């Protein structure tokens, strides 16, 4: 997998932020996050700030989604937001999280 995406992963090295979108309804969601984190660490890209986006939040009940989000934020330094790509109104927390991160960067003159 890494070799197939090597060019893309090399482009990531210049990034100021990663937005990691994951299917929250997948029963292996935490293992998938860990796999991506391992690849990023192996490539020394884990220094890049990250927002984990739990997509398909509408397919989980609120208690399960809250538990998953708390677990992710406790286990990682990444911010975590829940969305449903088919429900536009749920995208606001993601837009706000990205805007907050962007606001932390100074624009070069």
C-alpha atoms as a PDB file:
ATOM      1  CA  UNK A   1       0.000   0.000   0.000  1.00  0.00           C
ATOM      2  CA  UNK A   2       2.777   2.408   0.916  1.00  0.00           C
ATOM      3  CA  UNK A   3       4.620   1.839  -2.361  1.00  0.00           C
ATOM      4  CA  UNK A   4       1.424   2.367  -4.357  1.00  0.00           C
ATOM      5  CA  UNK A   5       0.880   5.747  -2.720  1.00  0.00           C
ATOM      6  CA  UNK A   6       4.523   6.779  -2.293  1.00  0.00           C
ATOM      7  CA  UNK A   7       4.224   9.888  -4.509  1.00  0.00           C
ATOM      8  CA  UNK A   8       1.119  11.022  -2.649  1.00  0.00           C
ATOM      9  CA  UNK A   9       2.759  10.338   0.692  1.00  0.00           C
ATOM     10  CA  UNK A  10       5.800  12.362  -0.353  1.00  0.00           C
ATOM     11  CA  UNK A  11       3.500  15.300  -1.088  1.00  0.00           C
ATOM     12  CA  UNK A  12       2.107  14.977   2.439  1.00  0.00           C
ATOM     13  CA  UNK A  13       5.531  15.819   3.854  1.00  0.00           C
ATOM     14  CA  UNK A  14       4.980  19.472   2.864  1.00  0.00           C
ATOM     15  CA  UNK A  15       1.542  19.639   4.494  1.00  0.00           C
ATOM     16  CA  UNK A  16       0.674  21.827   7.453  1.00  0.00           C
ATOM     17  CA  UNK A  17      -2.304  19.664   8.397  1.00  0.00           C
ATOM     18  CA  UNK A  18      -3.771  16.255   7.582  1.00  0.00           C
ATOM     19  CA  UNK A  19      -7.490  15.579   7.464  1.00  0.00           C
ATOM     20  CA  UNK A  20      -7.915  11.851   8.040  1.00  0.00           C
ATOM     21  CA  UNK A  21     -11.436  10.804   7.018  1.00  0.00           C
ATOM     22  CA  UNK A  22     -12.523   7.423   8.335  1.00  0.00           C
ATOM     23  CA  UNK A  23     -15.754   5.404   8.189  1.00  0.00           C
ATOM     24  CA  UNK A  24     -17.048   5.619  11.763  1.00  0.00           C
ATOM     25  CA  UNK A  25     -19.522   2.808  11.121  1.00  0.00           C
ATOM     26  CA  UNK A  26     -16.782   0.300  10.281  1.00  0.00           C
ATOM     27  CA  UNK A  27     -16.354  -2.179  13.147  1.00  0.00           C
ATOM     28  CA  UNK A  28     -12.558  -1.940  12.685  1.00  0.00           C
ATOM     29  CA  UNK A  29     -12.440   1.864  12.810  1.00  0.00           C
ATOM     30  CA  UNK A  30      -9.824   2.068  15.584  1.00  0.00           C
ATOM     31  CA  UNK A  31      -7.604  -0.521  13.880  1.00  0.00           C
ATOM     32  CA  UNK A  32      -7.829   1.440  10.623  1.00  0.00           C
ATOM     33  CA  UNK A  33      -6.799   4.633  12.390  1.00  0.00           C
ATOM     34  CA  UNK A  34      -3.884   2.797  13.999  1.00  0.00           C
ATOM     35  CA  UNK A  35      -2.780   1.426  10.604  1.00  0.00           C
ATOM     36  CA  UNK A  36      -2.690   4.895   9.085  1.00  0.00           C
ATOM     37  CA  UNK A  37      -0.859   6.252  12.128  1.00  0.00           C
ATOM     38  CA  UNK A  38       1.742   3.492  11.832  1.00  0.00           C
ATOM     39  CA  UNK A  39       2.362   4.293   8.171  1.00  0.00           C
ATOM     40  CA  UNK A  40       2.658   7.998   8.981  1.00  0.00           C
ATOM     41  CA  UNK A  41       5.098   7.231  11.795  1.00  0.00           C
ATOM     42  CA  UNK A  42       7.158   4.903   9.608  1.00  0.00           C
ATOM     43  CA  UNK A  43       7.451   7.687   7.039  1.00  0.00           C
ATOM     44  CA  UNK A  44       8.188  10.248   9.775  1.00  0.00           C
ATOM     45  CA  UNK A  45       5.030  12.174   8.874  1.00  0.00           C
ATOM     46  CA  UNK A  46       3.405  11.832  12.291  1.00  0.00           C
ATOM     47  CA  UNK A  47       4.696  15.296  13.276  1.00  0.00           C
ATOM     48  CA  UNK A  48       2.046  16.898  11.032  1.00  0.00           C
ATOM     49  CA  UNK A  49      -1.040  18.034  12.977  1.00  0.00           C
ATOM     50  CA  UNK A  50      -4.052  15.922  12.159  1.00  0.00           C
ATOM     51  CA  UNK A  51      -7.821  16.136  12.361  1.00  0.00           C
ATOM     52  CA  UNK A  52      -9.581  12.781  12.436  1.00  0.00           C
ATOM     53  CA  UNK A  53     -12.977  12.981  10.756  1.00  0.00           C
ATOM     54  CA  UNK A  54     -15.494  10.302  11.664  1.00  0.00           C
ATOM     55  CA  UNK A  55     -17.718  10.115   8.591  1.00  0.00           C
ATOM     56  CA  UNK A  56     -21.029   8.235   8.484  1.00  0.00           C
ATOM     57  CA  UNK A  57     -21.775   9.380  12.029  1.00  0.00           C
ATOM     58  CA  UNK A  58     -25.458   9.089  11.157  1.00  0.00           C
ATOM     59  CA  UNK A  59     -25.082   5.289  11.124  1.00  0.00           C
ATOM     60  CA  UNK A  60     -24.113   5.126  14.811  1.00  0.00           C
ATOM     61  CA  UNK A  61     -26.212   5.878  17.852  1.00  0.00           C
ATOM     62  CA  UNK A  62     -25.169   8.946  19.839  1.00  0.00           C
ATOM     63  CA  UNK A  63     -23.740   6.990  22.786  1.00  0.00           C
ATOM     64  CA  UNK A  64     -21.507   4.827  20.563  1.00  0.00           C
ATOM     65  CA  UNK A  65     -20.364   7.841  18.574  1.00  0.00           C
ATOM     66  CA  UNK A  66     -19.558   9.822  21.729  1.00  0.00           C
ATOM     67  CA  UNK A  67     -17.611   6.862  23.147  1.00  0.00           C
ATOM     68  CA  UNK A  68     -15.632   6.437  19.922  1.00  0.00           C
ATOM     69  CA  UNK A  69     -14.842  10.133  19.724  1.00  0.00           C
ATOM     70  CA  UNK A  70     -13.701  10.251  23.374  1.00  0.00           C
ATOM     71  CA  UNK A  71     -11.532   7.161  22.875  1.00  0.00           C
ATOM     72  CA  UNK A  72      -9.854   8.669  19.823  1.00  0.00           C
ATOM     73  CA  UNK A  73      -9.155  11.980  21.538  1.00  0.00           C
ATOM     74  CA  UNK A  74      -7.807  10.280  24.676  1.00  0.00           C
ATOM     75  CA  UNK A  75      -5.498   7.960  22.730  1.00  0.00           C
ATOM     76  CA  UNK A  76      -4.162  10.585  20.319  1.00  0.00           C
ATOM     77  CA  UNK A  77      -3.174  14.203  20.113  1.00  0.00           C
ATOM     78  CA  UNK A  78      -5.352  14.656  17.033  1.00  0.00           C
ATOM     79  CA  UNK A  79      -8.581  16.563  17.122  1.00  0.00           C
ATOM     80  CA  UNK A  80     -11.639  14.484  16.243  1.00  0.00           C
ATOM     81  CA  UNK A  81     -14.907  15.597  14.653  1.00  0.00           C
ATOM     82  CA  UNK A  82     -17.958  13.622  13.571  1.00  0.00           C
ATOM     83  CA  UNK A  83     -19.799  14.267  10.333  1.00  0.00           C
ATOM     84  CA  UNK A  84     -22.212  12.707   7.903  1.00  0.00           C
ATOM     85  CA  UNK A  85     -21.256  13.585   4.346  1.00  0.00           C
ATOM     86  CA  UNK A  86     -24.897  13.278   3.296  1.00  0.00           C
ATOM     87  CA  UNK A  87     -26.045  15.776   5.937  1.00  0.00           C
ATOM     88  CA  UNK A  88     -24.626  19.163   5.097  1.00  0.00           C
ATOM     89  CA  UNK A  89     -25.425  20.635   8.523  1.00  0.00           C
ATOM     90  CA  UNK A  90     -23.006  18.197  10.191  1.00  0.00           C
ATOM     91  CA  UNK A  91     -20.040  19.613   8.263  1.00  0.00           C
ATOM     92  CA  UNK A  92     -19.859  22.818  10.302  1.00  0.00           C
ATOM     93  CA  UNK A  93     -17.665  21.344  13.104  1.00  0.00           C
ATOM     94  CA  UNK A  94     -15.182  20.126  10.484  1.00  0.00           C
ATOM     95  CA  UNK A  95     -15.088  23.499   8.728  1.00  0.00           C
ATOM     96  CA  UNK A  96     -14.602  25.216  12.098  1.00  0.00           C
ATOM     97  CA  UNK A  97     -11.816  22.811  13.127  1.00  0.00           C
ATOM     98  CA  UNK A  98      -9.971  23.394   9.843  1.00  0.00           C
ATOM     99  CA  UNK A  99     -10.496  27.160  10.134  1.00  0.00           C
ATOM    100  CA  UNK A 100      -9.073  27.141  13.672  1.00  0.00           C
ATOM    101  CA  UNK A 101      -5.987  25.266  12.453  1.00  0.00           C
ATOM    102  CA  UNK A 102      -5.546  27.540   9.466  1.00  0.00           C
ATOM    103  CA  UNK A 103      -5.849  30.565  11.732  1.00  0.00           C
ATOM    104  CA  UNK A 104      -2.792  29.335  13.649  1.00  0.00           C
ATOM    105  CA  UNK A 105      -0.564  29.645  10.582  1.00  0.00           C
ATOM    106  CA  UNK A 106       0.959  32.952   9.613  1.00  0.00           C
ATOM    107  CA  UNK A 107       0.749  33.981   6.001  1.00  0.00           C
ATOM    108  CA  UNK A 108       4.173  34.584   4.509  1.00  0.00           C
ATOM    109  CA  UNK A 109       4.579  38.090   3.116  1.00  0.00           C
END
